[in-house]
């Protein structure tokens, strides 16, 4: 998803420049999982993957995974910015 790429990139850059090692690892892991869920969601919604053959990836669960991932990234970004000031 194009919208998320810039957010992911800036989050990784922020973590690498100003975050602790733990925050860097957390952000990278959450971004990896969120990107995977977003890609699956995109494939299902665009018709690239057949919804009937991929019932193990329900759209609501993928959407919720993306939302929770973005919330987690925002939380870590907030922690990093708090430590900066």
PDB file of N, CA and C in Angstrom:
ATOM      1  N   UNK A   1       0.833  -1.165   0.000  1.00  0.00           N
ATOM      2  CA  UNK A   1       0.000   0.000   0.000  1.00  0.00           C
ATOM      3  C   UNK A   1       0.890   1.245   0.000  1.00  0.00           C
ATOM      4  N   UNK A   2       0.682   2.041  -0.990  1.00  0.00           N
ATOM      5  CA  UNK A   2       1.517   3.226  -1.188  1.00  0.00           C
ATOM      6  C   UNK A   2       1.418   4.218  -0.032  1.00  0.00           C
ATOM      7  N   UNK A   3       0.257   4.344   0.535  1.00  0.00           N
ATOM      8  CA  UNK A   3       0.066   5.300   1.627  1.00  0.00           C
ATOM      9  C   UNK A   3       0.969   4.957   2.808  1.00  0.00           C
ATOM     10  N   UNK A   4       1.133   3.698   3.075  1.00  0.00           N
ATOM     11  CA  UNK A   4       1.889   3.278   4.247  1.00  0.00           C
ATOM     12  C   UNK A   4       3.402   3.304   4.030  1.00  0.00           C
ATOM     13  N   UNK A   5       3.863   3.210   2.791  1.00  0.00           N
ATOM     14  CA  UNK A   5       5.305   3.135   2.531  1.00  0.00           C
ATOM     15  C   UNK A   5       6.063   4.322   3.112  1.00  0.00           C
ATOM     16  N   UNK A   6       5.577   5.521   2.879  1.00  0.00           N
ATOM     17  CA  UNK A   6       6.231   6.711   3.420  1.00  0.00           C
ATOM     18  C   UNK A   6       6.223   6.728   4.937  1.00  0.00           C
ATOM     19  N   UNK A   7       5.111   6.315   5.523  1.00  0.00           N
ATOM     20  CA  UNK A   7       4.988   6.266   6.984  1.00  0.00           C
ATOM     21  C   UNK A   7       5.976   5.252   7.558  1.00  0.00           C
ATOM     22  N   UNK A   8       6.061   4.095   6.909  1.00  0.00           N
ATOM     23  CA  UNK A   8       6.998   3.075   7.362  1.00  0.00           C
ATOM     24  C   UNK A   8       8.434   3.582   7.252  1.00  0.00           C
ATOM     25  N   UNK A   9       8.756   4.179   6.129  1.00  0.00           N
ATOM     26  CA  UNK A   9      10.119   4.667   5.897  1.00  0.00           C
ATOM     27  C   UNK A   9      10.507   5.723   6.932  1.00  0.00           C
ATOM     28  N   UNK A  10       9.629   6.682   7.157  1.00  0.00           N
ATOM     29  CA  UNK A  10       9.948   7.738   8.125  1.00  0.00           C
ATOM     30  C   UNK A  10      10.022   7.184   9.551  1.00  0.00           C
ATOM     31  N   UNK A  11       9.233   6.187   9.850  1.00  0.00           N
ATOM     32  CA  UNK A  11       9.263   5.573  11.182  1.00  0.00           C
ATOM     33  C   UNK A  11      10.583   4.843  11.410  1.00  0.00           C
ATOM     34  N   UNK A  12      11.039   4.115  10.403  1.00  0.00           N
ATOM     35  CA  UNK A  12      12.314   3.406  10.526  1.00  0.00           C
ATOM     36  C   UNK A  12      13.455   4.408  10.658  1.00  0.00           C
ATOM     37  N   UNK A  13      13.416   5.465   9.865  1.00  0.00           N
ATOM     38  CA  UNK A  13      14.471   6.478   9.929  1.00  0.00           C
ATOM     39  C   UNK A  13      14.513   7.142  11.299  1.00  0.00           C
ATOM     40  N   UNK A  14      13.349   7.472  11.836  1.00  0.00           N
ATOM     41  CA  UNK A  14      13.283   8.086  13.164  1.00  0.00           C
ATOM     42  C   UNK A  14      13.864   7.141  14.212  1.00  0.00           C
ATOM     43  N   UNK A  15      13.478   5.874  14.144  1.00  0.00           N
ATOM     44  CA  UNK A  15      13.961   4.900  15.120  1.00  0.00           C
ATOM     45  C   UNK A  15      15.469   4.706  14.999  1.00  0.00           C
ATOM     46  N   UNK A  16      15.974   4.665  13.776  1.00  0.00           N
ATOM     47  CA  UNK A  16      17.415   4.475  13.587  1.00  0.00           C
ATOM     48  C   UNK A  16      18.222   5.670  14.080  1.00  0.00           C
ATOM     49  N   UNK A  17      17.689   6.869  13.879  1.00  0.00           N
ATOM     50  CA  UNK A  17      18.425   8.067  14.277  1.00  0.00           C
ATOM     51  C   UNK A  17      18.347   8.341  15.767  1.00  0.00           C
ATOM     52  N   UNK A  18      17.162   8.169  16.349  1.00  0.00           N
ATOM     53  CA  UNK A  18      16.965   8.656  17.709  1.00  0.00           C
ATOM     54  C   UNK A  18      16.402   7.632  18.692  1.00  0.00           C
ATOM     55  N   UNK A  19      16.076   6.452  18.216  1.00  0.00           N
ATOM     56  CA  UNK A  19      15.492   5.459  19.095  1.00  0.00           C
ATOM     57  C   UNK A  19      16.531   4.555  19.736  1.00  0.00           C
ATOM     58  N   UNK A  20      16.121   3.889  20.786  1.00  0.00           N
ATOM     59  CA  UNK A  20      16.993   2.905  21.416  1.00  0.00           C
ATOM     60  C   UNK A  20      17.021   1.649  20.547  1.00  0.00           C
ATOM     61  N   UNK A  21      17.912   0.745  20.872  1.00  0.00           N
ATOM     62  CA  UNK A  21      18.006  -0.501  20.111  1.00  0.00           C
ATOM     63  C   UNK A  21      16.684  -1.276  20.196  1.00  0.00           C
ATOM     64  N   UNK A  22      16.089  -1.276  21.368  1.00  0.00           N
ATOM     65  CA  UNK A  22      14.812  -1.959  21.562  1.00  0.00           C
ATOM     66  C   UNK A  22      13.709  -1.342  20.698  1.00  0.00           C
ATOM     67  N   UNK A  23      13.661  -0.020  20.647  1.00  0.00           N
ATOM     68  CA  UNK A  23      12.656   0.671  19.837  1.00  0.00           C
ATOM     69  C   UNK A  23      12.873   0.397  18.352  1.00  0.00           C
ATOM     70  N   UNK A  24      14.127   0.318  17.935  1.00  0.00           N
ATOM     71  CA  UNK A  24      14.414   0.006  16.541  1.00  0.00           C
ATOM     72  C   UNK A  24      13.911  -1.390  16.180  1.00  0.00           C
ATOM     73  N   UNK A  25      14.170  -2.341  17.040  1.00  0.00           N
ATOM     74  CA  UNK A  25      13.728  -3.723  16.802  1.00  0.00           C
ATOM     75  C   UNK A  25      12.207  -3.794  16.800  1.00  0.00           C
ATOM     76  N   UNK A  26      11.567  -3.104  17.768  1.00  0.00           N
ATOM     77  CA  UNK A  26      10.102  -3.111  17.842  1.00  0.00           C
ATOM     78  C   UNK A  26       9.482  -2.525  16.576  1.00  0.00           C
ATOM     79  N   UNK A  27       9.992  -1.401  16.135  1.00  0.00           N
ATOM     80  CA  UNK A  27       9.418  -0.724  14.960  1.00  0.00           C
ATOM     81  C   UNK A  27       9.590  -1.584  13.723  1.00  0.00           C
ATOM     82  N   UNK A  28      10.762  -2.184  13.558  1.00  0.00           N
ATOM     83  CA  UNK A  28      11.009  -3.014  12.387  1.00  0.00           C
ATOM     84  C   UNK A  28      10.095  -4.234  12.363  1.00  0.00           C
ATOM     85  N   UNK A  29       9.902  -4.851  13.524  1.00  0.00           N
ATOM     86  CA  UNK A  29       9.021  -6.024  13.595  1.00  0.00           C
ATOM     87  C   UNK A  29       7.567  -5.685  13.312  1.00  0.00           C
ATOM     88  N   UNK A  30       7.097  -4.608  13.903  1.00  0.00           N
ATOM     89  CA  UNK A  30       5.708  -4.191  13.697  1.00  0.00           C
ATOM     90  C   UNK A  30       5.485  -3.789  12.239  1.00  0.00           C
ATOM     91  N   UNK A  31       6.461  -3.104  11.655  1.00  0.00           N
ATOM     92  CA  UNK A  31       6.328  -2.703  10.258  1.00  0.00           C
ATOM     93  C   UNK A  31       6.298  -3.927   9.352  1.00  0.00           C
ATOM     94  N   UNK A  32       7.130  -4.911   9.631  1.00  0.00           N
ATOM     95  CA  UNK A  32       7.135  -6.125   8.811  1.00  0.00           C
ATOM     96  C   UNK A  32       5.771  -6.818   8.848  1.00  0.00           C
ATOM     97  N   UNK A  33       5.215  -6.963  10.032  1.00  0.00           N
ATOM     98  CA  UNK A  33       3.915  -7.616  10.173  1.00  0.00           C
ATOM     99  C   UNK A  33       2.803  -6.785   9.529  1.00  0.00           C
ATOM    100  N   UNK A  34       2.833  -5.487   9.740  1.00  0.00           N
ATOM    101  CA  UNK A  34       1.804  -4.606   9.188  1.00  0.00           C
ATOM    102  C   UNK A  34       1.870  -4.587   7.664  1.00  0.00           C
ATOM    103  N   UNK A  35       3.084  -4.550   7.119  1.00  0.00           N
ATOM    104  CA  UNK A  35       3.249  -4.551   5.666  1.00  0.00           C
ATOM    105  C   UNK A  35       2.737  -5.849   5.055  1.00  0.00           C
ATOM    106  N   UNK A  36       2.972  -6.957   5.731  1.00  0.00           N
ATOM    107  CA  UNK A  36       2.479  -8.243   5.240  1.00  0.00           C
ATOM    108  C   UNK A  36       0.953  -8.260   5.227  1.00  0.00           C
ATOM    109  N   UNK A  37       0.353  -7.819   6.299  1.00  0.00           N
ATOM    110  CA  UNK A  37      -1.112  -7.779   6.371  1.00  0.00           C
ATOM    111  C   UNK A  37      -1.693  -6.815   5.336  1.00  0.00           C
ATOM    112  N   UNK A  38      -1.055  -5.665   5.156  1.00  0.00           N
ATOM    113  CA  UNK A  38      -1.521  -4.687   4.166  1.00  0.00           C
ATOM    114  C   UNK A  38      -1.419  -5.253   2.758  1.00  0.00           C
ATOM    115  N   UNK A  39      -0.346  -5.983   2.480  1.00  0.00           N
ATOM    116  CA  UNK A  39      -0.187  -6.608   1.165  1.00  0.00           C
ATOM    117  C   UNK A  39      -1.250  -7.659   0.902  1.00  0.00           C
ATOM    118  N   UNK A  40      -1.518  -8.494   1.896  1.00  0.00           N
ATOM    119  CA  UNK A  40      -2.576  -9.501   1.767  1.00  0.00           C
ATOM    120  C   UNK A  40      -3.929  -8.844   1.542  1.00  0.00           C
ATOM    121  N   UNK A  41      -4.195  -7.787   2.298  1.00  0.00           N
ATOM    122  CA  UNK A  41      -5.455  -7.065   2.175  1.00  0.00           C
ATOM    123  C   UNK A  41      -5.594  -6.470   0.778  1.00  0.00           C
ATOM    124  N   UNK A  42      -4.539  -5.874   0.285  1.00  0.00           N
ATOM    125  CA  UNK A  42      -4.540  -5.291  -1.054  1.00  0.00           C
ATOM    126  C   UNK A  42      -4.812  -6.364  -2.110  1.00  0.00           C
ATOM    127  N   UNK A  43      -4.164  -7.506  -1.980  1.00  0.00           N
ATOM    128  CA  UNK A  43      -4.357  -8.591  -2.944  1.00  0.00           C
ATOM    129  C   UNK A  43      -5.797  -9.097  -2.951  1.00  0.00           C
ATOM    130  N   UNK A  44      -6.390  -9.206  -1.776  1.00  0.00           N
ATOM    131  CA  UNK A  44      -7.774  -9.681  -1.700  1.00  0.00           C
ATOM    132  C   UNK A  44      -8.759  -8.644  -2.238  1.00  0.00           C
ATOM    133  N   UNK A  45      -8.543  -7.383  -1.882  1.00  0.00           N
ATOM    134  CA  UNK A  45      -9.475  -6.339  -2.308  1.00  0.00           C
ATOM    135  C   UNK A  45      -9.361  -6.042  -3.806  1.00  0.00           C
ATOM    136  N   UNK A  46      -8.154  -6.182  -4.352  1.00  0.00           N
ATOM    137  CA  UNK A  46      -7.962  -5.894  -5.775  1.00  0.00           C
ATOM    138  C   UNK A  46      -8.374  -7.058  -6.666  1.00  0.00           C
ATOM    139  N   UNK A  47      -8.577  -8.223  -6.077  1.00  0.00           N
ATOM    140  CA  UNK A  47      -8.960  -9.393  -6.867  1.00  0.00           C
ATOM    141  C   UNK A  47      -7.780 -10.220  -7.324  1.00  0.00           C
ATOM    142  N   UNK A  48      -6.586  -9.845  -6.929  1.00  0.00           N
ATOM    143  CA  UNK A  48      -5.396 -10.597  -7.306  1.00  0.00           C
ATOM    144  C   UNK A  48      -5.442 -11.998  -6.699  1.00  0.00           C
ATOM    145  N   UNK A  49      -5.973 -12.088  -5.496  1.00  0.00           N
ATOM    146  CA  UNK A  49      -6.185 -13.376  -4.839  1.00  0.00           C
ATOM    147  C   UNK A  49      -7.680 -13.609  -4.701  1.00  0.00           C
ATOM    148  N   UNK A  50      -8.086 -14.832  -4.908  1.00  0.00           N
ATOM    149  CA  UNK A  50      -9.490 -15.204  -4.815  1.00  0.00           C
ATOM    150  C   UNK A  50      -9.911 -15.306  -3.348  1.00  0.00           C
ATOM    151  N   UNK A  51     -10.959 -14.587  -2.995  1.00  0.00           N
ATOM    152  CA  UNK A  51     -11.432 -14.592  -1.602  1.00  0.00           C
ATOM    153  C   UNK A  51     -11.895 -15.979  -1.164  1.00  0.00           C
ATOM    154  N   UNK A  52     -12.488 -16.736  -2.076  1.00  0.00           N
ATOM    155  CA  UNK A  52     -12.994 -18.061  -1.717  1.00  0.00           C
ATOM    156  C   UNK A  52     -11.862 -19.039  -1.429  1.00  0.00           C
ATOM    157  N   UNK A  53     -10.738 -18.882  -2.114  1.00  0.00           N
ATOM    158  CA  UNK A  53      -9.594 -19.774  -1.911  1.00  0.00           C
ATOM    159  C   UNK A  53      -8.731 -19.343  -0.733  1.00  0.00           C
ATOM    160  N   UNK A  54      -8.898 -18.141  -0.276  1.00  0.00           N
ATOM    161  CA  UNK A  54      -8.090 -17.604   0.815  1.00  0.00           C
ATOM    162  C   UNK A  54      -8.956 -17.236   2.012  1.00  0.00           C
ATOM    163  N   UNK A  55      -9.807 -18.130   2.412  1.00  0.00           N
ATOM    164  CA  UNK A  55     -10.708 -17.862   3.538  1.00  0.00           C
ATOM    165  C   UNK A  55      -9.965 -17.791   4.868  1.00  0.00           C
ATOM    166  N   UNK A  56      -8.737 -18.294   4.895  1.00  0.00           N
ATOM    167  CA  UNK A  56      -7.954 -18.250   6.131  1.00  0.00           C
ATOM    168  C   UNK A  56      -7.440 -16.841   6.418  1.00  0.00           C
ATOM    169  N   UNK A  57      -7.634 -15.925   5.459  1.00  0.00           N
ATOM    170  CA  UNK A  57      -7.284 -14.519   5.651  1.00  0.00           C
ATOM    171  C   UNK A  57      -8.528 -13.664   5.485  1.00  0.00           C
ATOM    172  N   UNK A  58      -9.398 -13.618   6.499  1.00  0.00           N
ATOM    173  CA  UNK A  58     -10.601 -12.796   6.358  1.00  0.00           C
ATOM    174  C   UNK A  58     -10.245 -11.304   6.310  1.00  0.00           C
ATOM    175  N   UNK A  59     -10.955 -10.592   5.466  1.00  0.00           N
ATOM    176  CA  UNK A  59     -10.693  -9.168   5.264  1.00  0.00           C
ATOM    177  C   UNK A  59     -10.787  -8.367   6.568  1.00  0.00           C
ATOM    178  N   UNK A  60     -11.801  -8.577   7.398  1.00  0.00           N
ATOM    179  CA  UNK A  60     -11.859  -7.798   8.646  1.00  0.00           C
ATOM    180  C   UNK A  60     -10.643  -8.026   9.549  1.00  0.00           C
ATOM    181  N   UNK A  61     -10.141  -9.259   9.593  1.00  0.00           N
ATOM    182  CA  UNK A  61      -8.976  -9.548  10.436  1.00  0.00           C
ATOM    183  C   UNK A  61      -7.727  -8.863   9.884  1.00  0.00           C
ATOM    184  N   UNK A  62      -7.568  -8.871   8.563  1.00  0.00           N
ATOM    185  CA  UNK A  62      -6.418  -8.200   7.956  1.00  0.00           C
ATOM    186  C   UNK A  62      -6.486  -6.687   8.180  1.00  0.00           C
ATOM    187  N   UNK A  63      -7.676  -6.124   8.009  1.00  0.00           N
ATOM    188  CA  UNK A  63      -7.848  -4.686   8.218  1.00  0.00           C
ATOM    189  C   UNK A  63      -7.535  -4.316   9.670  1.00  0.00           C
ATOM    190  N   UNK A  64      -7.999  -5.115  10.607  1.00  0.00           N
ATOM    191  CA  UNK A  64      -7.743  -4.856  12.024  1.00  0.00           C
ATOM    192  C   UNK A  64      -6.252  -4.997  12.327  1.00  0.00           C
ATOM    193  N   UNK A  65      -5.584  -5.936  11.684  1.00  0.00           N
ATOM    194  CA  UNK A  65      -4.150  -6.112  11.869  1.00  0.00           C
ATOM    195  C   UNK A  65      -3.385  -4.873  11.403  1.00  0.00           C
ATOM    196  N   UNK A  66      -3.792  -4.306  10.279  1.00  0.00           N
ATOM    197  CA  UNK A  66      -3.153  -3.089   9.770  1.00  0.00           C
ATOM    198  C   UNK A  66      -3.397  -1.921  10.730  1.00  0.00           C
ATOM    199  N   UNK A  67      -4.614  -1.790  11.192  1.00  0.00           N
ATOM    200  CA  UNK A  67      -4.948  -0.705  12.124  1.00  0.00           C
ATOM    201  C   UNK A  67      -4.151  -0.830  13.413  1.00  0.00           C
ATOM    202  N   UNK A  68      -4.087  -2.026  13.970  1.00  0.00           N
ATOM    203  CA  UNK A  68      -3.333  -2.231  15.215  1.00  0.00           C
ATOM    204  C   UNK A  68      -1.838  -1.985  14.996  1.00  0.00           C
ATOM    205  N   UNK A  69      -1.339  -2.365  13.829  1.00  0.00           N
ATOM    206  CA  UNK A  69       0.066  -2.118  13.513  1.00  0.00           C
ATOM    207  C   UNK A  69       0.382  -0.637  13.458  1.00  0.00           C
ATOM    208  N   UNK A  70      -0.478   0.125  12.810  1.00  0.00           N
ATOM    209  CA  UNK A  70      -0.264   1.570  12.714  1.00  0.00           C
ATOM    210  C   UNK A  70      -0.329   2.203  14.113  1.00  0.00           C
ATOM    211  N   UNK A  71      -1.239   1.728  14.937  1.00  0.00           N
ATOM    212  CA  UNK A  71      -1.318   2.238  16.314  1.00  0.00           C
ATOM    213  C   UNK A  71      -0.043   1.928  17.090  1.00  0.00           C
ATOM    214  N   UNK A  72       0.485   0.727  16.911  1.00  0.00           N
ATOM    215  CA  UNK A  72       1.715   0.347  17.605  1.00  0.00           C
ATOM    216  C   UNK A  72       2.897   1.179  17.138  1.00  0.00           C
ATOM    217  N   UNK A  73       2.979   1.420  15.840  1.00  0.00           N
ATOM    218  CA  UNK A  73       4.049   2.254  15.296  1.00  0.00           C
ATOM    219  C   UNK A  73       3.943   3.666  15.862  1.00  0.00           C
ATOM    220  N   UNK A  74       2.733   4.195  15.897  1.00  0.00           N
ATOM    221  CA  UNK A  74       2.521   5.543  16.436  1.00  0.00           C
ATOM    222  C   UNK A  74       2.934   5.606  17.905  1.00  0.00           C
ATOM    223  N   UNK A  75       2.667   4.551  18.653  1.00  0.00           N
ATOM    224  CA  UNK A  75       3.033   4.515  20.071  1.00  0.00           C
ATOM    225  C   UNK A  75       4.551   4.549  20.236  1.00  0.00           C
ATOM    226  N   UNK A  76       5.265   3.753  19.445  1.00  0.00           N
ATOM    227  CA  UNK A  76       6.722   3.738  19.538  1.00  0.00           C
ATOM    228  C   UNK A  76       7.300   5.079  19.089  1.00  0.00           C
ATOM    229  N   UNK A  77       6.739   5.647  18.031  1.00  0.00           N
ATOM    230  CA  UNK A  77       7.193   6.974  17.569  1.00  0.00           C
ATOM    231  C   UNK A  77       7.009   8.012  18.675  1.00  0.00           C
ATOM    232  N   UNK A  78       5.890   7.926  19.358  1.00  0.00           N
ATOM    233  CA  UNK A  78       5.620   8.860  20.459  1.00  0.00           C
ATOM    234  C   UNK A  78       6.641   8.689  21.585  1.00  0.00           C
ATOM    235  N   UNK A  79       6.988   7.444  21.906  1.00  0.00           N
ATOM    236  CA  UNK A  79       7.992   7.181  22.939  1.00  0.00           C
ATOM    237  C   UNK A  79       9.354   7.771  22.536  1.00  0.00           C
ATOM    238  N   UNK A  80       9.703   7.598  21.268  1.00  0.00           N
ATOM    239  CA  UNK A  80      10.983   8.127  20.777  1.00  0.00           C
ATOM    240  C   UNK A  80      10.997   9.641  20.891  1.00  0.00           C
ATOM    241  N   UNK A  81       9.917  10.272  20.452  1.00  0.00           N
ATOM    242  CA  UNK A  81       9.859  11.735  20.490  1.00  0.00           C
ATOM    243  C   UNK A  81       9.858  12.271  21.921  1.00  0.00           C
ATOM    244  N   UNK A  82       9.269  11.538  22.860  1.00  0.00           N
ATOM    245  CA  UNK A  82       9.295  11.938  24.270  1.00  0.00           C
ATOM    246  C   UNK A  82      10.715  11.922  24.811  1.00  0.00           C
ATOM    247  N   UNK A  83      11.485  10.925  24.406  1.00  0.00           N
ATOM    248  CA  UNK A  83      12.860  10.795  24.884  1.00  0.00           C
ATOM    249  C   UNK A  83      13.774  11.851  24.288  1.00  0.00           C
ATOM    250  N   UNK A  84      13.384  12.414  23.150  1.00  0.00           N
ATOM    251  CA  UNK A  84      14.196  13.417  22.485  1.00  0.00           C
ATOM    252  C   UNK A  84      14.143  14.736  23.245  1.00  0.00           C
ATOM    253  N   UNK A  85      12.943  15.115  23.677  1.00  0.00           N
ATOM    254  CA  UNK A  85      12.780  16.426  24.312  1.00  0.00           C
ATOM    255  C   UNK A  85      13.190  16.449  25.748  1.00  0.00           C
TER     256      UNK A  85
END
